[in-house]
Amino acid sequence: MTVAARREATWAQAERIVRLSEAHEVLPRLMPDKKDLTGLRRFHEKSAAVYRRVADLDRGHHHEALYWADREDRLARGLDGH
């Protein structure tokens, strides 16, 4: 994915996500460079929050969204302290 493609998505847009499919489409475009460990940790923390909200809104995908929230939380914790 190019840098230009990543810029098409914003965290403001992510805050309006209500379906799991939207989360899977938008969140990857917000991921920072893998060398930016602090940015990656923040990305995973914010993504987890988006997935938790989606779990409440997209009830047909409640458990799957919770899985993704937990996964993002684990990834963020794995980056603590770099």
PDB file of N, CA and C in Angstrom:
ATOM      1  N   MET A   1       0.850  -1.179   0.000  1.00  0.00           N
ATOM      2  CA  MET A   1       0.000   0.000   0.000  1.00  0.00           C
ATOM      3  C   MET A   1       0.892   1.237   0.000  1.00  0.00           C
ATOM      4  N   THR A   2       0.539   2.170  -0.820  1.00  0.00           N
ATOM      5  CA  THR A   2       1.344   3.385  -0.919  1.00  0.00           C
ATOM      6  C   THR A   2       1.001   4.353   0.205  1.00  0.00           C
ATOM      7  N   VAL A   3       1.890   5.292   0.449  1.00  0.00           N
ATOM      8  CA  VAL A   3       1.640   6.320   1.464  1.00  0.00           C
ATOM      9  C   VAL A   3       0.406   7.121   1.084  1.00  0.00           C
ATOM     10  N   ALA A   4       0.231   7.410  -0.197  1.00  0.00           N
ATOM     11  CA  ALA A   4      -0.944   8.170  -0.648  1.00  0.00           C
ATOM     12  C   ALA A   4      -2.229   7.431  -0.322  1.00  0.00           C
ATOM     13  N   ALA A   5      -2.246   6.117  -0.483  1.00  0.00           N
ATOM     14  CA  ALA A   5      -3.452   5.333  -0.177  1.00  0.00           C
ATOM     15  C   ALA A   5      -3.752   5.382   1.319  1.00  0.00           C
ATOM     16  N   ARG A   6      -2.707   5.361   2.142  1.00  0.00           N
ATOM     17  CA  ARG A   6      -2.917   5.430   3.592  1.00  0.00           C
ATOM     18  C   ARG A   6      -3.549   6.752   3.995  1.00  0.00           C
ATOM     19  N   ARG A   7      -3.186   7.805   3.320  1.00  0.00           N
ATOM     20  CA  ARG A   7      -3.697   9.136   3.677  1.00  0.00           C
ATOM     21  C   ARG A   7      -5.176   9.289   3.375  1.00  0.00           C
ATOM     22  N   GLU A   8      -5.732   8.387   2.603  1.00  0.00           N
ATOM     23  CA  GLU A   8      -7.153   8.478   2.279  1.00  0.00           C
ATOM     24  C   GLU A   8      -8.026   8.235   3.504  1.00  0.00           C
ATOM     25  N   ALA A   9      -7.503   7.551   4.498  1.00  0.00           N
ATOM     26  CA  ALA A   9      -8.268   7.259   5.706  1.00  0.00           C
ATOM     27  C   ALA A   9      -7.759   8.130   6.847  1.00  0.00           C
ATOM     28  N   THR A  10      -8.658   8.473   7.758  1.00  0.00           N
ATOM     29  CA  THR A  10      -8.287   9.269   8.927  1.00  0.00           C
ATOM     30  C   THR A  10      -8.890   8.627  10.171  1.00  0.00           C
ATOM     31  N   TRP A  11      -8.354   8.996  11.330  1.00  0.00           N
ATOM     32  CA  TRP A  11      -8.930   8.487  12.572  1.00  0.00           C
ATOM     33  C   TRP A  11     -10.334   9.043  12.781  1.00  0.00           C
ATOM     34  N   ALA A  12     -10.602  10.227  12.252  1.00  0.00           N
ATOM     35  CA  ALA A  12     -11.968  10.772  12.339  1.00  0.00           C
ATOM     36  C   ALA A  12     -12.925   9.857  11.581  1.00  0.00           C
ATOM     37  N   GLN A  13     -12.489   9.362  10.459  1.00  0.00           N
ATOM     38  CA  GLN A  13     -13.294   8.417   9.686  1.00  0.00           C
ATOM     39  C   GLN A  13     -13.467   7.120  10.485  1.00  0.00           C
ATOM     40  N   ALA A  14     -12.417   6.670  11.132  1.00  0.00           N
ATOM     41  CA  ALA A  14     -12.481   5.440  11.925  1.00  0.00           C
ATOM     42  C   ALA A  14     -13.471   5.583  13.078  1.00  0.00           C
ATOM     43  N   GLU A  15     -13.587   6.781  13.619  1.00  0.00           N
ATOM     44  CA  GLU A  15     -14.523   7.016  14.721  1.00  0.00           C
ATOM     45  C   GLU A  15     -15.983   6.861  14.288  1.00  0.00           C
ATOM     46  N   ARG A  16     -16.236   6.938  13.001  1.00  0.00           N
ATOM     47  CA  ARG A  16     -17.612   6.803  12.488  1.00  0.00           C
ATOM     48  C   ARG A  16     -17.942   5.379  12.031  1.00  0.00           C
ATOM     49  N   ILE A  17     -17.008   4.469  12.173  1.00  0.00           N
ATOM     50  CA  ILE A  17     -17.218   3.085  11.734  1.00  0.00           C
ATOM     51  C   ILE A  17     -18.294   2.430  12.589  1.00  0.00           C
ATOM     52  N   VAL A  18     -19.225   1.737  11.924  1.00  0.00           N
ATOM     53  CA  VAL A  18     -20.284   1.035  12.647  1.00  0.00           C
ATOM     54  C   VAL A  18     -20.365  -0.448  12.263  1.00  0.00           C
ATOM     55  N   ARG A  19     -19.651  -0.851  11.212  1.00  0.00           N
ATOM     56  CA  ARG A  19     -19.699  -2.255  10.781  1.00  0.00           C
ATOM     57  C   ARG A  19     -18.294  -2.846  10.767  1.00  0.00           C
ATOM     58  N   LEU A  20     -18.214  -4.128  11.044  1.00  0.00           N
ATOM     59  CA  LEU A  20     -16.934  -4.815  11.054  1.00  0.00           C
ATOM     60  C   LEU A  20     -16.243  -4.712   9.703  1.00  0.00           C
ATOM     61  N   SER A  21     -16.989  -4.831   8.637  1.00  0.00           N
ATOM     62  CA  SER A  21     -16.388  -4.736   7.299  1.00  0.00           C
ATOM     63  C   SER A  21     -15.735  -3.374   7.076  1.00  0.00           C
ATOM     64  N   GLU A  22     -16.336  -2.318   7.621  1.00  0.00           N
ATOM     65  CA  GLU A  22     -15.743  -0.978   7.513  1.00  0.00           C
ATOM     66  C   GLU A  22     -14.427  -0.913   8.287  1.00  0.00           C
ATOM     67  N   ALA A  23     -14.414  -1.507   9.464  1.00  0.00           N
ATOM     68  CA  ALA A  23     -13.202  -1.509  10.279  1.00  0.00           C
ATOM     69  C   ALA A  23     -12.064  -2.201   9.533  1.00  0.00           C
ATOM     70  N   HIS A  24     -12.379  -3.338   8.925  1.00  0.00           N
ATOM     71  CA  HIS A  24     -11.349  -4.072   8.183  1.00  0.00           C
ATOM     72  C   HIS A  24     -10.873  -3.298   6.959  1.00  0.00           C
ATOM     73  N   GLU A  25     -11.705  -2.444   6.423  1.00  0.00           N
ATOM     74  CA  GLU A  25     -11.333  -1.654   5.254  1.00  0.00           C
ATOM     75  C   GLU A  25     -10.502  -0.422   5.641  1.00  0.00           C
ATOM     76  N   VAL A  26     -10.914   0.272   6.690  1.00  0.00           N
ATOM     77  CA  VAL A  26     -10.302   1.554   7.041  1.00  0.00           C
ATOM     78  C   VAL A  26      -9.046   1.396   7.906  1.00  0.00           C
ATOM     79  N   LEU A  27      -9.099   0.565   8.920  1.00  0.00           N
ATOM     80  CA  LEU A  27      -7.999   0.511   9.883  1.00  0.00           C
ATOM     81  C   LEU A  27      -6.646   0.154   9.263  1.00  0.00           C
ATOM     82  N   PRO A  28      -6.561  -0.795   8.360  1.00  0.00           N
ATOM     83  CA  PRO A  28      -5.240  -1.081   7.776  1.00  0.00           C
ATOM     84  C   PRO A  28      -4.618   0.122   7.068  1.00  0.00           C
ATOM     85  N   ARG A  29      -5.443   1.005   6.555  1.00  0.00           N
ATOM     86  CA  ARG A  29      -4.924   2.190   5.873  1.00  0.00           C
ATOM     87  C   ARG A  29      -4.351   3.213   6.847  1.00  0.00           C
ATOM     88  N   LEU A  30      -4.606   3.021   8.135  1.00  0.00           N
ATOM     89  CA  LEU A  30      -4.113   3.944   9.157  1.00  0.00           C
ATOM     90  C   LEU A  30      -2.842   3.447   9.844  1.00  0.00           C
ATOM     91  N   MET A  31      -2.423   2.235   9.520  1.00  0.00           N
ATOM     92  CA  MET A  31      -1.263   1.652  10.183  1.00  0.00           C
ATOM     93  C   MET A  31       0.003   2.430   9.819  1.00  0.00           C
ATOM     94  N   PRO A  32       0.765   2.824  10.845  1.00  0.00           N
ATOM     95  CA  PRO A  32       2.017   3.543  10.573  1.00  0.00           C
ATOM     96  C   PRO A  32       3.102   2.573  10.102  1.00  0.00           C
ATOM     97  N   ASP A  33       4.219   3.128   9.733  1.00  0.00           N
ATOM     98  CA  ASP A  33       5.367   2.322   9.336  1.00  0.00           C
ATOM     99  C   ASP A  33       5.747   1.377  10.475  1.00  0.00           C
ATOM    100  N   LYS A  34       6.132   0.173  10.131  1.00  0.00           N
ATOM    101  CA  LYS A  34       6.464  -0.825  11.147  1.00  0.00           C
ATOM    102  C   LYS A  34       7.690  -0.440  11.984  1.00  0.00           C
ATOM    103  N   LYS A  35       8.474   0.509  11.520  1.00  0.00           N
ATOM    104  CA  LYS A  35       9.636   0.977  12.283  1.00  0.00           C
ATOM    105  C   LYS A  35       9.228   1.935  13.393  1.00  0.00           C
ATOM    106  N   ASP A  36       8.025   2.484  13.310  1.00  0.00           N
ATOM    107  CA  ASP A  36       7.517   3.440  14.304  1.00  0.00           C
ATOM    108  C   ASP A  36       6.800   2.659  15.410  1.00  0.00           C
ATOM    109  N   LEU A  37       7.570   2.146  16.359  1.00  0.00           N
ATOM    110  CA  LEU A  37       6.994   1.278  17.387  1.00  0.00           C
ATOM    111  C   LEU A  37       6.000   2.002  18.288  1.00  0.00           C
ATOM    112  N   THR A  38       6.273   3.253  18.609  1.00  0.00           N
ATOM    113  CA  THR A  38       5.334   4.027  19.425  1.00  0.00           C
ATOM    114  C   THR A  38       4.041   4.250  18.651  1.00  0.00           C
ATOM    115  N   GLY A  39       4.165   4.605  17.383  1.00  0.00           N
ATOM    116  CA  GLY A  39       2.992   4.792  16.532  1.00  0.00           C
ATOM    117  C   GLY A  39       2.204   3.509  16.361  1.00  0.00           C
ATOM    118  N   LEU A  40       2.911   2.391  16.229  1.00  0.00           N
ATOM    119  CA  LEU A  40       2.233   1.098  16.102  1.00  0.00           C
ATOM    120  C   LEU A  40       1.445   0.756  17.361  1.00  0.00           C
ATOM    121  N   ARG A  41       2.055   1.011  18.529  1.00  0.00           N
ATOM    122  CA  ARG A  41       1.341   0.732  19.780  1.00  0.00           C
ATOM    123  C   ARG A  41       0.069   1.570  19.864  1.00  0.00           C
ATOM    124  N   ARG A  42       0.178   2.858  19.536  1.00  0.00           N
ATOM    125  CA  ARG A  42      -1.012   3.720  19.552  1.00  0.00           C
ATOM    126  C   ARG A  42      -2.047   3.246  18.528  1.00  0.00           C
ATOM    127  N   PHE A  43      -1.582   2.835  17.359  1.00  0.00           N
ATOM    128  CA  PHE A  43      -2.484   2.324  16.327  1.00  0.00           C
ATOM    129  C   PHE A  43      -3.276   1.127  16.852  1.00  0.00           C
ATOM    130  N   HIS A  44      -2.586   0.175  17.471  1.00  0.00           N
ATOM    131  CA  HIS A  44      -3.264  -1.024  17.970  1.00  0.00           C
ATOM    132  C   HIS A  44      -4.231  -0.684  19.105  1.00  0.00           C
ATOM    133  N   GLU A  45      -3.859   0.258  19.962  1.00  0.00           N
ATOM    134  CA  GLU A  45      -4.760   0.679  21.041  1.00  0.00           C
ATOM    135  C   GLU A  45      -6.022   1.319  20.473  1.00  0.00           C
ATOM    136  N   LYS A  46      -5.855   2.209  19.519  1.00  0.00           N
ATOM    137  CA  LYS A  46      -7.017   2.875  18.910  1.00  0.00           C
ATOM    138  C   LYS A  46      -7.862   1.877  18.126  1.00  0.00           C
ATOM    139  N   SER A  47      -7.202   0.966  17.433  1.00  0.00           N
ATOM    140  CA  SER A  47      -7.938  -0.044  16.661  1.00  0.00           C
ATOM    141  C   SER A  47      -8.770  -0.920  17.586  1.00  0.00           C
ATOM    142  N   ALA A  48      -8.198  -1.292  18.719  1.00  0.00           N
ATOM    143  CA  ALA A  48      -8.937  -2.097  19.696  1.00  0.00           C
ATOM    144  C   ALA A  48     -10.198  -1.367  20.138  1.00  0.00           C
ATOM    145  N   ALA A  49     -10.086  -0.072  20.374  1.00  0.00           N
ATOM    146  CA  ALA A  49     -11.252   0.720  20.786  1.00  0.00           C
ATOM    147  C   ALA A  49     -12.310   0.743  19.681  1.00  0.00           C
ATOM    148  N   VAL A  50     -11.871   0.856  18.436  1.00  0.00           N
ATOM    149  CA  VAL A  50     -12.820   0.847  17.311  1.00  0.00           C
ATOM    150  C   VAL A  50     -13.541  -0.495  17.271  1.00  0.00           C
ATOM    151  N   TYR A  51     -12.797  -1.585  17.389  1.00  0.00           N
ATOM    152  CA  TYR A  51     -13.416  -2.913  17.329  1.00  0.00           C
ATOM    153  C   TYR A  51     -14.368  -3.144  18.508  1.00  0.00           C
ATOM    154  N   ARG A  52     -14.030  -2.638  19.696  1.00  0.00           N
ATOM    155  CA  ARG A  52     -14.956  -2.779  20.840  1.00  0.00           C
ATOM    156  C   ARG A  52     -16.258  -2.032  20.571  1.00  0.00           C
ATOM    157  N   ARG A  53     -16.153  -0.841  19.998  1.00  0.00           N
ATOM    158  CA  ARG A  53     -17.365  -0.085  19.667  1.00  0.00           C
ATOM    159  C   ARG A  53     -18.177  -0.810  18.607  1.00  0.00           C
ATOM    160  N   VAL A  54     -17.506  -1.345  17.606  1.00  0.00           N
ATOM    161  CA  VAL A  54     -18.183  -2.085  16.539  1.00  0.00           C
ATOM    162  C   VAL A  54     -18.905  -3.303  17.112  1.00  0.00           C
ATOM    163  N   ALA A  55     -18.320  -3.940  18.113  1.00  0.00           N
ATOM    164  CA  ALA A  55     -18.962  -5.112  18.732  1.00  0.00           C
ATOM    165  C   ALA A  55     -20.332  -4.751  19.292  1.00  0.00           C
ATOM    166  N   ASP A  56     -20.481  -3.528  19.781  1.00  0.00           N
ATOM    167  CA  ASP A  56     -21.771  -3.081  20.311  1.00  0.00           C
ATOM    168  C   ASP A  56     -22.740  -2.654  19.213  1.00  0.00           C
ATOM    169  N   LEU A  57     -22.204  -2.184  18.096  1.00  0.00           N
ATOM    170  CA  LEU A  57     -23.059  -1.636  17.039  1.00  0.00           C
ATOM    171  C   LEU A  57     -23.431  -2.653  15.961  1.00  0.00           C
ATOM    172  N   ASP A  58     -22.510  -3.519  15.608  1.00  0.00           N
ATOM    173  CA  ASP A  58     -22.723  -4.518  14.552  1.00  0.00           C
ATOM    174  C   ASP A  58     -22.976  -5.858  15.236  1.00  0.00           C
ATOM    175  N   ARG A  59     -24.177  -6.004  15.764  1.00  0.00           N
ATOM    176  CA  ARG A  59     -24.480  -7.149  16.620  1.00  0.00           C
ATOM    177  C   ARG A  59     -24.329  -8.492  15.911  1.00  0.00           C
ATOM    178  N   GLY A  60     -24.479  -8.512  14.610  1.00  0.00           N
ATOM    179  CA  GLY A  60     -24.293  -9.756  13.870  1.00  0.00           C
ATOM    180  C   GLY A  60     -22.843 -10.219  13.850  1.00  0.00           C
ATOM    181  N   HIS A  61     -21.937  -9.316  14.161  1.00  0.00           N
ATOM    182  CA  HIS A  61     -20.512  -9.640  14.186  1.00  0.00           C
ATOM    183  C   HIS A  61     -19.900  -9.345  15.563  1.00  0.00           C
ATOM    184  N   HIS A  62     -20.750  -9.387  16.579  1.00  0.00           N
ATOM    185  CA  HIS A  62     -20.342  -9.048  17.938  1.00  0.00           C
ATOM    186  C   HIS A  62     -19.103  -9.823  18.392  1.00  0.00           C
ATOM    187  N   HIS A  63     -19.164 -11.136  18.329  1.00  0.00           N
ATOM    188  CA  HIS A  63     -18.065 -11.959  18.842  1.00  0.00           C
ATOM    189  C   HIS A  63     -16.809 -11.822  17.990  1.00  0.00           C
ATOM    190  N   GLU A  64     -16.966 -11.709  16.697  1.00  0.00           N
ATOM    191  CA  GLU A  64     -15.807 -11.528  15.824  1.00  0.00           C
ATOM    192  C   GLU A  64     -15.127 -10.185  16.100  1.00  0.00           C
ATOM    193  N   ALA A  65     -15.918  -9.142  16.299  1.00  0.00           N
ATOM    194  CA  ALA A  65     -15.342  -7.830  16.607  1.00  0.00           C
ATOM    195  C   ALA A  65     -14.618  -7.858  17.957  1.00  0.00           C
ATOM    196  N   LEU A  66     -15.167  -8.589  18.921  1.00  0.00           N
ATOM    197  CA  LEU A  66     -14.489  -8.726  20.211  1.00  0.00           C
ATOM    198  C   LEU A  66     -13.164  -9.465  20.058  1.00  0.00           C
ATOM    199  N   TYR A  67     -13.151 -10.476  19.186  1.00  0.00           N
ATOM    200  CA  TYR A  67     -11.898 -11.181  18.899  1.00  0.00           C
ATOM    201  C   TYR A  67     -10.857 -10.184  18.390  1.00  0.00           C
ATOM    202  N   TRP A  68     -11.244  -9.353  17.418  1.00  0.00           N
ATOM    203  CA  TRP A  68     -10.312  -8.392  16.833  1.00  0.00           C
ATOM    204  C   TRP A  68      -9.870  -7.357  17.858  1.00  0.00           C
ATOM    205  N   ALA A  69     -10.763  -6.931  18.731  1.00  0.00           N
ATOM    206  CA  ALA A  69     -10.393  -5.983  19.791  1.00  0.00           C
ATOM    207  C   ALA A  69      -9.343  -6.611  20.705  1.00  0.00           C
ATOM    208  N   ASP A  70      -9.553  -7.855  21.093  1.00  0.00           N
ATOM    209  CA  ASP A  70      -8.600  -8.556  21.952  1.00  0.00           C
ATOM    210  C   ASP A  70      -7.256  -8.725  21.241  1.00  0.00           C
ATOM    211  N   ARG A  71      -7.294  -9.056  19.970  1.00  0.00           N
ATOM    212  CA  ARG A  71      -6.072  -9.221  19.184  1.00  0.00           C
ATOM    213  C   ARG A  71      -5.284  -7.913  19.145  1.00  0.00           C
ATOM    214  N   GLU A  72      -5.978  -6.810  18.892  1.00  0.00           N
ATOM    215  CA  GLU A  72      -5.304  -5.514  18.844  1.00  0.00           C
ATOM    216  C   GLU A  72      -4.737  -5.135  20.210  1.00  0.00           C
ATOM    217  N   ASP A  73      -5.475  -5.435  21.278  1.00  0.00           N
ATOM    218  CA  ASP A  73      -4.960  -5.181  22.630  1.00  0.00           C
ATOM    219  C   ASP A  73      -3.678  -5.968  22.877  1.00  0.00           C
ATOM    220  N   ARG A  74      -3.662  -7.246  22.479  1.00  0.00           N
ATOM    221  CA  ARG A  74      -2.476  -8.083  22.667  1.00  0.00           C
ATOM    222  C   ARG A  74      -1.292  -7.554  21.865  1.00  0.00           C
ATOM    223  N   LEU A  75      -1.543  -7.111  20.641  1.00  0.00           N
ATOM    224  CA  LEU A  75      -0.476  -6.554  19.821  1.00  0.00           C
ATOM    225  C   LEU A  75       0.092  -5.275  20.454  1.00  0.00           C
ATOM    226  N   ALA A  76      -0.786  -4.441  20.992  1.00  0.00           N
ATOM    227  CA  ALA A  76      -0.335  -3.201  21.652  1.00  0.00           C
ATOM    228  C   ALA A  76       0.508  -3.536  22.881  1.00  0.00           C
ATOM    229  N   ARG A  77       0.029  -4.477  23.692  1.00  0.00           N
ATOM    230  CA  ARG A  77       0.791  -4.866  24.890  1.00  0.00           C
ATOM    231  C   ARG A  77       2.142  -5.444  24.524  1.00  0.00           C
ATOM    232  N   GLY A  78       2.204  -6.153  23.414  1.00  0.00           N
ATOM    233  CA  GLY A  78       3.463  -6.730  22.958  1.00  0.00           C
ATOM    234  C   GLY A  78       4.488  -5.675  22.582  1.00  0.00           C
ATOM    235  N   LEU A  79       4.023  -4.478  22.290  1.00  0.00           N
ATOM    236  CA  LEU A  79       4.925  -3.382  21.913  1.00  0.00           C
ATOM    237  C   LEU A  79       5.279  -2.491  23.095  1.00  0.00           C
ATOM    238  N   ASP A  80       4.690  -2.743  24.255  1.00  0.00           N
ATOM    239  CA  ASP A  80       5.011  -1.936  25.438  1.00  0.00           C
ATOM    240  C   ASP A  80       6.493  -2.063  25.740  1.00  0.00           C
ATOM    241  N   GLY A  81       7.119  -0.941  25.912  1.00  0.00           N
ATOM    242  CA  GLY A  81       8.550  -0.940  26.199  1.00  0.00           C
ATOM    243  C   GLY A  81       9.413  -1.263  24.994  1.00  0.00           C
ATOM    244  N   HIS A  82       8.760  -1.439  23.830  1.00  0.00           N
ATOM    245  CA  HIS A  82       9.428  -1.754  22.567  1.00  0.00           C
ATOM    246  C   HIS A  82      10.277  -2.988  22.756  1.00  0.00           C
TER     247      HIS A  82
END
